[in-house]
Amino acid sequence: MRPSSLAAIAALVAVVTLAAGCAGPPRVELYGSPAPSAAAQRTIVITPETRWVNVEGGEVVNFVVGDRMFAWDFYVGFTVTHFDLNLVAPPGVLQQRVTAYVSPDPRYRGFD
């Protein structure tokens, strides 16, 4: 085998190994943080038919799901435009997948 072929194979193995190490669970801290219900600016009722919700960056929203509720502060990373709300909801609250679509925080619109 030629040295250039060995180098190419070694480089490929290194890239595959590094790529596998990069894959991991989503970084939930980029999606905001739990908030007290009293801090909520509005309430969204999630029914079994709900598949998505629209929120604004920086907004605190109270979610009501049947007889349970949770509040979330959507102070998100600037690259976050949507995420699976199930990742941040308390375990067992959401029975179906709900996507949160996050519009830009109005405090930071127009800044690059």
C-alpha atoms as a PDB file:
ATOM      1  CA  MET A   1       0.000   0.000   0.000  1.00  0.00           C
ATOM      2  CA  ARG A   2       1.336   3.430  -0.893  1.00  0.00           C
ATOM      3  CA  PRO A   3       2.094   5.974   1.847  1.00  0.00           C
ATOM      4  CA  SER A   4      -0.462   8.406   0.405  1.00  0.00           C
ATOM      5  CA  SER A   5      -3.181   5.743   0.683  1.00  0.00           C
ATOM      6  CA  LEU A   6      -2.252   5.060   4.303  1.00  0.00           C
ATOM      7  CA  ALA A   7      -2.370   8.774   5.077  1.00  0.00           C
ATOM      8  CA  ALA A   8      -5.798   9.079   3.447  1.00  0.00           C
ATOM      9  CA  ILE A   9      -7.137   6.117   5.428  1.00  0.00           C
ATOM     10  CA  ALA A  10      -5.704   7.500   8.673  1.00  0.00           C
ATOM     11  CA  ALA A  11      -7.273  10.900   7.972  1.00  0.00           C
ATOM     12  CA  LEU A  12     -10.637   9.291   7.233  1.00  0.00           C
ATOM     13  CA  VAL A  13     -10.527   7.289  10.469  1.00  0.00           C
ATOM     14  CA  ALA A  14      -9.662  10.455  12.416  1.00  0.00           C
ATOM     15  CA  VAL A  15     -12.537  12.427  10.851  1.00  0.00           C
ATOM     16  CA  VAL A  16     -15.068   9.664  11.519  1.00  0.00           C
ATOM     17  CA  THR A  17     -13.889   9.330  15.118  1.00  0.00           C
ATOM     18  CA  LEU A  18     -14.118  13.078  15.734  1.00  0.00           C
ATOM     19  CA  ALA A  19     -17.532  13.318  14.077  1.00  0.00           C
ATOM     20  CA  ALA A  20     -18.878  10.541  16.290  1.00  0.00           C
ATOM     21  CA  GLY A  21     -17.624  12.398  19.350  1.00  0.00           C
ATOM     22  CA  CYS A  22     -19.443  15.574  18.301  1.00  0.00           C
ATOM     23  CA  ALA A  23     -22.824  13.886  18.135  1.00  0.00           C
ATOM     24  CA  GLY A  24     -24.612  14.020  21.434  1.00  0.00           C
ATOM     25  CA  PRO A  25     -27.770  15.094  23.148  1.00  0.00           C
ATOM     26  CA  PRO A  26     -29.084  18.577  22.359  1.00  0.00           C
ATOM     27  CA  ARG A  27     -27.785  21.387  24.552  1.00  0.00           C
ATOM     28  CA  VAL A  28     -30.981  22.239  26.405  1.00  0.00           C
ATOM     29  CA  GLU A  29     -29.433  25.339  27.999  1.00  0.00           C
ATOM     30  CA  LEU A  30     -29.585  27.000  24.559  1.00  0.00           C
ATOM     31  CA  TYR A  31     -33.380  26.708  24.668  1.00  0.00           C
ATOM     32  CA  GLY A  32     -33.922  28.902  27.724  1.00  0.00           C
ATOM     33  CA  SER A  33     -34.751  27.900  31.276  1.00  0.00           C
ATOM     34  CA  PRO A  34     -37.624  26.952  33.577  1.00  0.00           C
ATOM     35  CA  ALA A  35     -39.512  29.905  34.999  1.00  0.00           C
ATOM     36  CA  PRO A  36     -42.036  30.475  37.775  1.00  0.00           C
ATOM     37  CA  SER A  37     -45.622  30.544  36.501  1.00  0.00           C
ATOM     38  CA  ALA A  38     -46.086  33.987  38.048  1.00  0.00           C
ATOM     39  CA  ALA A  39     -43.462  35.391  35.654  1.00  0.00           C
ATOM     40  CA  ALA A  40     -45.386  34.270  32.554  1.00  0.00           C
ATOM     41  CA  GLN A  41     -46.455  36.963  30.109  1.00  0.00           C
ATOM     42  CA  ARG A  42     -49.043  34.700  28.527  1.00  0.00           C
ATOM     43  CA  THR A  43     -50.508  31.208  28.687  1.00  0.00           C
ATOM     44  CA  ILE A  44     -50.719  28.643  25.910  1.00  0.00           C
ATOM     45  CA  VAL A  45     -53.077  25.688  26.296  1.00  0.00           C
ATOM     46  CA  ILE A  46     -51.710  22.541  24.672  1.00  0.00           C
ATOM     47  CA  THR A  47     -54.349  20.049  23.549  1.00  0.00           C
ATOM     48  CA  PRO A  48     -53.810  16.556  22.106  1.00  0.00           C
ATOM     49  CA  GLU A  49     -54.104  18.147  18.632  1.00  0.00           C
ATOM     50  CA  THR A  50     -51.363  20.741  19.254  1.00  0.00           C
ATOM     51  CA  ARG A  51     -48.294  20.104  17.109  1.00  0.00           C
ATOM     52  CA  TRP A  52     -46.520  23.485  17.371  1.00  0.00           C
ATOM     53  CA  VAL A  53     -46.509  26.767  19.271  1.00  0.00           C
ATOM     54  CA  ASN A  54     -45.188  30.191  18.275  1.00  0.00           C
ATOM     55  CA  VAL A  55     -43.262  32.128  20.895  1.00  0.00           C
ATOM     56  CA  GLU A  56     -40.949  35.116  20.926  1.00  0.00           C
ATOM     57  CA  GLY A  57     -37.364  35.115  22.135  1.00  0.00           C
ATOM     58  CA  GLY A  58     -37.174  36.526  25.659  1.00  0.00           C
ATOM     59  CA  GLU A  59     -40.816  35.689  26.360  1.00  0.00           C
ATOM     60  CA  VAL A  60     -41.912  33.729  29.438  1.00  0.00           C
ATOM     61  CA  VAL A  61     -44.812  31.416  28.629  1.00  0.00           C
ATOM     62  CA  ASN A  62     -46.983  29.286  30.881  1.00  0.00           C
ATOM     63  CA  PHE A  63     -48.063  26.030  29.224  1.00  0.00           C
ATOM     64  CA  VAL A  64     -51.219  24.257  30.390  1.00  0.00           C
ATOM     65  CA  VAL A  65     -51.519  20.599  29.427  1.00  0.00           C
ATOM     66  CA  GLY A  66     -54.659  19.032  30.871  1.00  0.00           C
ATOM     67  CA  ASP A  67     -54.392  19.460  34.643  1.00  0.00           C
ATOM     68  CA  ARG A  68     -50.619  20.064  34.574  1.00  0.00           C
ATOM     69  CA  MET A  69     -48.619  23.159  33.768  1.00  0.00           C
ATOM     70  CA  PHE A  70     -45.090  24.434  33.408  1.00  0.00           C
ATOM     71  CA  ALA A  71     -43.534  27.779  32.543  1.00  0.00           C
ATOM     72  CA  TRP A  72     -40.556  28.371  30.277  1.00  0.00           C
ATOM     73  CA  ASP A  73     -38.353  31.412  29.698  1.00  0.00           C
ATOM     74  CA  PHE A  74     -37.481  31.507  25.993  1.00  0.00           C
ATOM     75  CA  TYR A  75     -34.223  33.411  26.460  1.00  0.00           C
ATOM     76  CA  VAL A  76     -32.659  31.266  23.734  1.00  0.00           C
ATOM     77  CA  GLY A  77     -29.335  31.146  21.937  1.00  0.00           C
ATOM     78  CA  PHE A  78     -29.287  33.443  18.902  1.00  0.00           C
ATOM     79  CA  THR A  79     -29.106  30.481  16.506  1.00  0.00           C
ATOM     80  CA  VAL A  80     -32.221  28.790  17.919  1.00  0.00           C
ATOM     81  CA  THR A  81     -35.277  29.180  15.681  1.00  0.00           C
ATOM     82  CA  HIS A  82     -37.196  26.092  16.809  1.00  0.00           C
ATOM     83  CA  PHE A  83     -36.853  23.070  19.059  1.00  0.00           C
ATOM     84  CA  ASP A  84     -38.788  20.126  20.430  1.00  0.00           C
ATOM     85  CA  LEU A  85     -40.710  21.426  23.455  1.00  0.00           C
ATOM     86  CA  ASN A  86     -40.684  17.884  24.851  1.00  0.00           C
ATOM     87  CA  LEU A  87     -36.971  18.327  25.596  1.00  0.00           C
ATOM     88  CA  VAL A  88     -37.710  20.995  28.213  1.00  0.00           C
ATOM     89  CA  ALA A  89     -41.155  19.997  29.492  1.00  0.00           C
ATOM     90  CA  PRO A  90     -41.303  18.081  32.776  1.00  0.00           C
ATOM     91  CA  PRO A  91     -41.322  14.314  32.184  1.00  0.00           C
ATOM     92  CA  GLY A  92     -44.722  12.909  31.252  1.00  0.00           C
ATOM     93  CA  VAL A  93     -46.424  16.263  30.655  1.00  0.00           C
ATOM     94  CA  LEU A  94     -46.493  16.194  26.850  1.00  0.00           C
ATOM     95  CA  GLN A  95     -47.898  13.048  25.277  1.00  0.00           C
ATOM     96  CA  GLN A  96     -47.162  14.117  21.692  1.00  0.00           C
ATOM     97  CA  ARG A  97     -44.329  15.944  19.984  1.00  0.00           C
ATOM     98  CA  VAL A  98     -44.750  19.727  20.091  1.00  0.00           C
ATOM     99  CA  THR A  99     -42.356  22.030  18.245  1.00  0.00           C
ATOM    100  CA  ALA A 100     -41.705  25.504  19.650  1.00  0.00           C
ATOM    101  CA  TYR A 101     -41.016  28.045  16.882  1.00  0.00           C
ATOM    102  CA  VAL A 102     -39.094  30.962  18.363  1.00  0.00           C
ATOM    103  CA  SER A 103     -39.109  34.355  16.651  1.00  0.00           C
ATOM    104  CA  PRO A 104     -36.159  36.679  17.367  1.00  0.00           C
ATOM    105  CA  ASP A 105     -36.070  38.545  20.660  1.00  0.00           C
ATOM    106  CA  PRO A 106     -37.304  42.083  19.850  1.00  0.00           C
ATOM    107  CA  ARG A 107     -34.658  43.567  22.149  1.00  0.00           C
ATOM    108  CA  TYR A 108     -31.966  42.383  19.758  1.00  0.00           C
ATOM    109  CA  ARG A 109     -33.575  42.783  16.322  1.00  0.00           C
ATOM    110  CA  GLY A 110     -31.480  44.694  13.843  1.00  0.00           C
ATOM    111  CA  PHE A 111     -28.152  43.858  15.490  1.00  0.00           C
ATOM    112  CA  ASP A 112     -25.575  41.663  13.776  1.00  0.00           C
END
